[in-house]
PDB file of N, CA and C in Angstrom:
ATOM      1  N   MET A   1       0.847  -1.165   0.000  1.00  0.00           N
ATOM      2  CA  MET A   1       0.000   0.000   0.000  1.00  0.00           C
ATOM      3  C   MET A   1       0.897   1.233   0.000  1.00  0.00           C
ATOM      4  N   GLY A   2       0.546   2.238  -0.754  1.00  0.00           N
ATOM      5  CA  GLY A   2       1.328   3.455  -0.815  1.00  0.00           C
ATOM      6  C   GLY A   2       0.444   4.679  -0.656  1.00  0.00           C
ATOM      7  N   LEU A   3       1.029   5.740  -0.207  1.00  0.00           N
ATOM      8  CA  LEU A   3       0.315   6.993  -0.027  1.00  0.00           C
ATOM      9  C   LEU A   3       1.202   8.105  -0.544  1.00  0.00           C
ATOM     10  N   THR A   4       0.663   8.922  -1.437  1.00  0.00           N
ATOM     11  CA  THR A   4       1.413  10.050  -1.987  1.00  0.00           C
ATOM     12  C   THR A   4       0.671  11.335  -1.666  1.00  0.00           C
ATOM     13  N   LEU A   5       1.390  12.297  -1.143  1.00  0.00           N
ATOM     14  CA  LEU A   5       0.828  13.607  -0.852  1.00  0.00           C
ATOM     15  C   LEU A   5       1.603  14.658  -1.638  1.00  0.00           C
ATOM     16  N   VAL A   6       0.890  15.557  -2.267  1.00  0.00           N
ATOM     17  CA  VAL A   6       1.496  16.669  -2.993  1.00  0.00           C
ATOM     18  C   VAL A   6       0.898  17.946  -2.411  1.00  0.00           C
ATOM     19  N   PHE A   7       1.754  18.924  -2.116  1.00  0.00           N
ATOM     20  CA  PHE A   7       1.219  20.155  -1.561  1.00  0.00           C
ATOM     21  C   PHE A   7       1.886  21.377  -2.162  1.00  0.00           C
ATOM     22  N   TYR A   8       1.144  22.471  -2.150  1.00  0.00           N
ATOM     23  CA  TYR A   8       1.608  23.762  -2.639  1.00  0.00           C
ATOM     24  C   TYR A   8       0.964  24.833  -1.764  1.00  0.00           C
ATOM     25  N   THR A   9       1.758  25.745  -1.236  1.00  0.00           N
ATOM     26  CA  THR A   9       1.237  26.837  -0.419  1.00  0.00           C
ATOM     27  C   THR A   9       1.835  28.144  -0.909  1.00  0.00           C
ATOM     28  N   TYR A  10       0.997  29.139  -1.067  1.00  0.00           N
ATOM     29  CA  TYR A  10       1.406  30.472  -1.509  1.00  0.00           C
ATOM     30  C   TYR A  10       1.210  31.429  -0.337  1.00  0.00           C
ATOM     31  N   PHE A  11       2.285  32.086   0.088  1.00  0.00           N
ATOM     32  CA  PHE A  11       2.230  33.025   1.197  1.00  0.00           C
ATOM     33  C   PHE A  11       2.396  34.435   0.652  1.00  0.00           C
ATOM     34  N   ASN A  12       1.520  35.345   1.062  1.00  0.00           N
ATOM     35  CA  ASN A  12       1.708  36.736   0.660  1.00  0.00           C
ATOM     36  C   ASN A  12       2.024  37.630   1.859  1.00  0.00           C
ATOM     37  N   ASN A  13       2.143  37.059   3.045  1.00  0.00           N
ATOM     38  CA  ASN A  13       2.495  37.823   4.235  1.00  0.00           C
ATOM     39  C   ASN A  13       3.415  36.959   5.089  1.00  0.00           C
ATOM     40  N   ARG A  14       4.675  36.921   4.742  1.00  0.00           N
ATOM     41  CA  ARG A  14       5.648  36.094   5.447  1.00  0.00           C
ATOM     42  C   ARG A  14       6.536  36.971   6.316  1.00  0.00           C
ATOM     43  N   ILE A  15       6.766  36.545   7.538  1.00  0.00           N
ATOM     44  CA  ILE A  15       7.634  37.277   8.455  1.00  0.00           C
ATOM     45  C   ILE A  15       9.013  36.622   8.430  1.00  0.00           C
ATOM     46  N   VAL A  16      10.045  37.446   8.251  1.00  0.00           N
ATOM     47  CA  VAL A  16      11.424  36.946   8.209  1.00  0.00           C
ATOM     48  C   VAL A  16      12.229  37.592   9.332  1.00  0.00           C
ATOM     49  N   GLY A  17      13.207  36.866   9.847  1.00  0.00           N
ATOM     50  CA  GLY A  17      14.069  37.381  10.909  1.00  0.00           C
ATOM     51  C   GLY A  17      15.385  37.893  10.349  1.00  0.00           C
ATOM     52  N   ASP A  18      15.790  39.072  10.784  1.00  0.00           N
ATOM     53  CA  ASP A  18      17.073  39.665  10.389  1.00  0.00           C
ATOM     54  C   ASP A  18      18.059  39.445  11.541  1.00  0.00           C
ATOM     55  N   TYR A  19      19.002  38.534  11.345  1.00  0.00           N
ATOM     56  CA  TYR A  19      19.995  38.200  12.368  1.00  0.00           C
ATOM     57  C   TYR A  19      21.312  38.969  12.171  1.00  0.00           C
ATOM     58  N   ASP A  20      21.437  39.693  11.057  1.00  0.00           N
ATOM     59  CA  ASP A  20      22.705  40.310  10.689  1.00  0.00           C
ATOM     60  C   ASP A  20      22.862  41.759  11.140  1.00  0.00           C
ATOM     61  N   THR A  21      21.773  42.504  11.214  1.00  0.00           N
ATOM     62  CA  THR A  21      21.861  43.929  11.558  1.00  0.00           C
ATOM     63  C   THR A  21      22.482  44.133  12.938  1.00  0.00           C
ATOM     64  N   ASP A  22      22.019  43.371  13.917  1.00  0.00           N
ATOM     65  CA  ASP A  22      22.561  43.436  15.283  1.00  0.00           C
ATOM     66  C   ASP A  22      22.637  42.007  15.801  1.00  0.00           C
ATOM     67  N   PRO A  23      23.844  41.475  16.040  1.00  0.00           N
ATOM     68  CA  PRO A  23      23.986  40.079  16.465  1.00  0.00           C
ATOM     69  C   PRO A  23      23.312  39.767  17.802  1.00  0.00           C
ATOM     70  N   ASN A  24      22.979  40.788  18.590  1.00  0.00           N
ATOM     71  CA  ASN A  24      22.343  40.578  19.886  1.00  0.00           C
ATOM     72  C   ASN A  24      20.821  40.662  19.824  1.00  0.00           C
ATOM     73  N   LYS A  25      20.284  40.914  18.628  1.00  0.00           N
ATOM     74  CA  LYS A  25      18.833  41.052  18.467  1.00  0.00           C
ATOM     75  C   LYS A  25      18.370  40.272  17.240  1.00  0.00           C
ATOM     76  N   ILE A  26      17.111  39.901  17.262  1.00  0.00           N
ATOM     77  CA  ILE A  26      16.460  39.370  16.070  1.00  0.00           C
ATOM     78  C   ILE A  26      15.408  40.403  15.674  1.00  0.00           C
ATOM     79  N   ILE A  27      15.582  40.985  14.510  1.00  0.00           N
ATOM     80  CA  ILE A  27      14.662  42.014  14.025  1.00  0.00           C
ATOM     81  C   ILE A  27      13.727  41.358  13.011  1.00  0.00           C
ATOM     82  N   TYR A  28      12.430  41.459  13.261  1.00  0.00           N
ATOM     83  CA  TYR A  28      11.440  40.838  12.383  1.00  0.00           C
ATOM     84  C   TYR A  28      10.869  41.872  11.433  1.00  0.00           C
ATOM     85  N   ASP A  29      10.589  41.429  10.211  1.00  0.00           N
ATOM     86  CA  ASP A  29      10.005  42.303   9.205  1.00  0.00           C
ATOM     87  C   ASP A  29       9.173  41.455   8.256  1.00  0.00           C
ATOM     88  N   ASN A  30       8.201  42.091   7.583  1.00  0.00           N
ATOM     89  CA  ASN A  30       7.416  41.379   6.574  1.00  0.00           C
ATOM     90  C   ASN A  30       8.207  41.281   5.284  1.00  0.00           C
ATOM     91  N   LEU A  31       8.067  40.181   4.603  1.00  0.00           N
ATOM     92  CA  LEU A  31       8.722  39.966   3.326  1.00  0.00           C
ATOM     93  C   LEU A  31       7.993  40.755   2.252  1.00  0.00           C
ATOM     94  N   ASN A  32       8.732  41.467   1.423  1.00  0.00           N
ATOM     95  CA  ASN A  32       8.118  42.139   0.278  1.00  0.00           C
ATOM     96  C   ASN A  32       7.930  41.114  -0.822  1.00  0.00           C
ATOM     97  N   GLY A  33       6.728  41.001  -1.328  1.00  0.00           N
ATOM     98  CA  GLY A  33       6.444  40.031  -2.384  1.00  0.00           C
ATOM     99  C   GLY A  33       5.749  38.810  -1.817  1.00  0.00           C
ATOM    100  N   HIS A  34       6.178  37.633  -2.233  1.00  0.00           N
ATOM    101  CA  HIS A  34       5.529  36.405  -1.788  1.00  0.00           C
ATOM    102  C   HIS A  34       6.557  35.288  -1.617  1.00  0.00           C
ATOM    103  N   ALA A  35       6.107  34.200  -1.033  1.00  0.00           N
ATOM    104  CA  ALA A  35       6.930  33.005  -0.881  1.00  0.00           C
ATOM    105  C   ALA A  35       6.076  31.798  -1.232  1.00  0.00           C
ATOM    106  N   GLU A  36       6.710  30.723  -1.676  1.00  0.00           N
ATOM    107  CA  GLU A  36       5.997  29.507  -2.044  1.00  0.00           C
ATOM    108  C   GLU A  36       6.634  28.307  -1.365  1.00  0.00           C
ATOM    109  N   SER A  37       5.804  27.355  -1.006  1.00  0.00           N
ATOM    110  CA  SER A  37       6.274  26.093  -0.444  1.00  0.00           C
ATOM    111  C   SER A  37       5.665  24.968  -1.273  1.00  0.00           C
ATOM    112  N   LYS A  38       6.525  24.101  -1.820  1.00  0.00           N
ATOM    113  CA  LYS A  38       6.071  22.994  -2.661  1.00  0.00           C
ATOM    114  C   LYS A  38       6.699  21.710  -2.151  1.00  0.00           C
ATOM    115  N   GLY A  39       5.980  20.607  -2.228  1.00  0.00           N
ATOM    116  CA  GLY A  39       6.568  19.362  -1.773  1.00  0.00           C
ATOM    117  C   GLY A  39       5.768  18.137  -2.168  1.00  0.00           C
ATOM    118  N   VAL A  40       6.440  16.998  -2.069  1.00  0.00           N
ATOM    119  CA  VAL A  40       5.836  15.700  -2.349  1.00  0.00           C
ATOM    120  C   VAL A  40       6.298  14.737  -1.267  1.00  0.00           C
ATOM    121  N   SER A  41       5.375  13.927  -0.783  1.00  0.00           N
ATOM    122  CA  SER A  41       5.701  12.913   0.217  1.00  0.00           C
ATOM    123  C   SER A  41       5.175  11.576  -0.281  1.00  0.00           C
ATOM    124  N   LEU A  42       6.010  10.541  -0.222  1.00  0.00           N
ATOM    125  CA  LEU A  42       5.623   9.205  -0.673  1.00  0.00           C
ATOM    126  C   LEU A  42       5.923   8.203   0.436  1.00  0.00           C
ATOM    127  N   ASN A  43       4.916   7.477   0.867  1.00  0.00           N
ATOM    128  CA  ASN A  43       5.069   6.427   1.878  1.00  0.00           C
ATOM    129  C   ASN A  43       4.673   5.096   1.261  1.00  0.00           C
ATOM    130  N   ILE A  44       5.508   4.086   1.446  1.00  0.00           N
ATOM    131  CA  ILE A  44       5.232   2.757   0.900  1.00  0.00           C
ATOM    132  C   ILE A  44       5.379   1.726   2.014  1.00  0.00           C
ATOM    133  N   ASP A  45       4.358   0.899   2.183  1.00  0.00           N
ATOM    134  CA  ASP A  45       4.396  -0.234   3.104  1.00  0.00           C
ATOM    135  C   ASP A  45       4.393  -1.503   2.264  1.00  0.00           C
ATOM    136  N   VAL A  46       5.197  -2.493   2.660  1.00  0.00           N
ATOM    137  CA  VAL A  46       5.268  -3.756   1.932  1.00  0.00           C
ATOM    138  C   VAL A  46       4.895  -4.890   2.883  1.00  0.00           C
ATOM    139  N   ALA A  47       3.929  -5.711   2.484  1.00  0.00           N
ATOM    140  CA  ALA A  47       3.509  -6.869   3.291  1.00  0.00           C
ATOM    141  C   ALA A  47       3.769  -8.139   2.480  1.00  0.00           C
ATOM    142  N   PHE A  48       4.492  -9.090   3.086  1.00  0.00           N
ATOM    143  CA  PHE A  48       4.796 -10.355   2.426  1.00  0.00           C
ATOM    144  C   PHE A  48       3.802 -11.426   2.858  1.00  0.00           C
ATOM    145  N   ASN A  49       3.711 -12.516   2.081  1.00  0.00           N
ATOM    146  CA  ASN A  49       2.773 -13.599   2.385  1.00  0.00           C
ATOM    147  C   ASN A  49       3.101 -14.303   3.700  1.00  0.00           C
ATOM    148  N   ASN A  50       4.360 -14.270   4.149  1.00  0.00           N
ATOM    149  CA  ASN A  50       4.734 -14.951   5.390  1.00  0.00           C
ATOM    150  C   ASN A  50       4.413 -14.118   6.635  1.00  0.00           C
ATOM    151  N   GLY A  51       3.769 -12.954   6.468  1.00  0.00           N
ATOM    152  CA  GLY A  51       3.385 -12.127   7.599  1.00  0.00           C
ATOM    153  C   GLY A  51       4.332 -10.987   7.901  1.00  0.00           C
ATOM    154  N   LEU A  52       5.504 -10.987   7.253  1.00  0.00           N
ATOM    155  CA  LEU A  52       6.463  -9.913   7.467  1.00  0.00           C
ATOM    156  C   LEU A  52       5.959  -8.639   6.801  1.00  0.00           C
ATOM    157  N   LYS A  53       6.020  -7.534   7.527  1.00  0.00           N
ATOM    158  CA  LYS A  53       5.566  -6.253   6.991  1.00  0.00           C
ATOM    159  C   LYS A  53       6.672  -5.226   7.188  1.00  0.00           C
ATOM    160  N   LEU A  54       7.051  -4.525   6.138  1.00  0.00           N
ATOM    161  CA  LEU A  54       8.066  -3.481   6.187  1.00  0.00           C
ATOM    162  C   LEU A  54       7.400  -2.110   6.109  1.00  0.00           C
ATOM    163  N   ILE A  55       7.672  -1.275   7.099  1.00  0.00           N
ATOM    164  CA  ILE A  55       7.137   0.072   7.144  1.00  0.00           C
ATOM    165  C   ILE A  55       8.331   1.006   7.343  1.00  0.00           C
ATOM    166  N   PRO A  56       8.527   1.991   6.462  1.00  0.00           N
ATOM    167  CA  PRO A  56       9.674   2.883   6.623  1.00  0.00           C
ATOM    168  C   PRO A  56       9.575   3.693   7.906  1.00  0.00           C
ATOM    169  N   ALA A  57      10.723   3.946   8.508  1.00  0.00           N
ATOM    170  CA  ALA A  57      10.772   4.727   9.748  1.00  0.00           C
ATOM    171  C   ALA A  57      10.514   6.190   9.436  1.00  0.00           C
ATOM    172  N   GLU A  58       9.818   6.864  10.328  1.00  0.00           N
ATOM    173  CA  GLU A  58       9.580   8.294  10.187  1.00  0.00           C
ATOM    174  C   GLU A  58      10.665   9.053  10.924  1.00  0.00           C
ATOM    175  N   HIS A  59      11.096  10.159  10.345  1.00  0.00           N
ATOM    176  CA  HIS A  59      12.076  10.984  11.025  1.00  0.00           C
ATOM    177  C   HIS A  59      11.685  12.422  10.935  1.00  0.00           C
TER     178      HIS A  59
END
């Protein structure tokens, strides 16, 4: 049995941290423009006739 997930997210209000301006502070600001997140996840389980079942470890 297998399961495939595909996702896409479009962000138009993303907050980013500025660590470089002052090393002792984190300065937050909104991103100008947009950001995108895309991904695919595939999970496969294998079951044999002798009862052995292989399931990949999650990390």
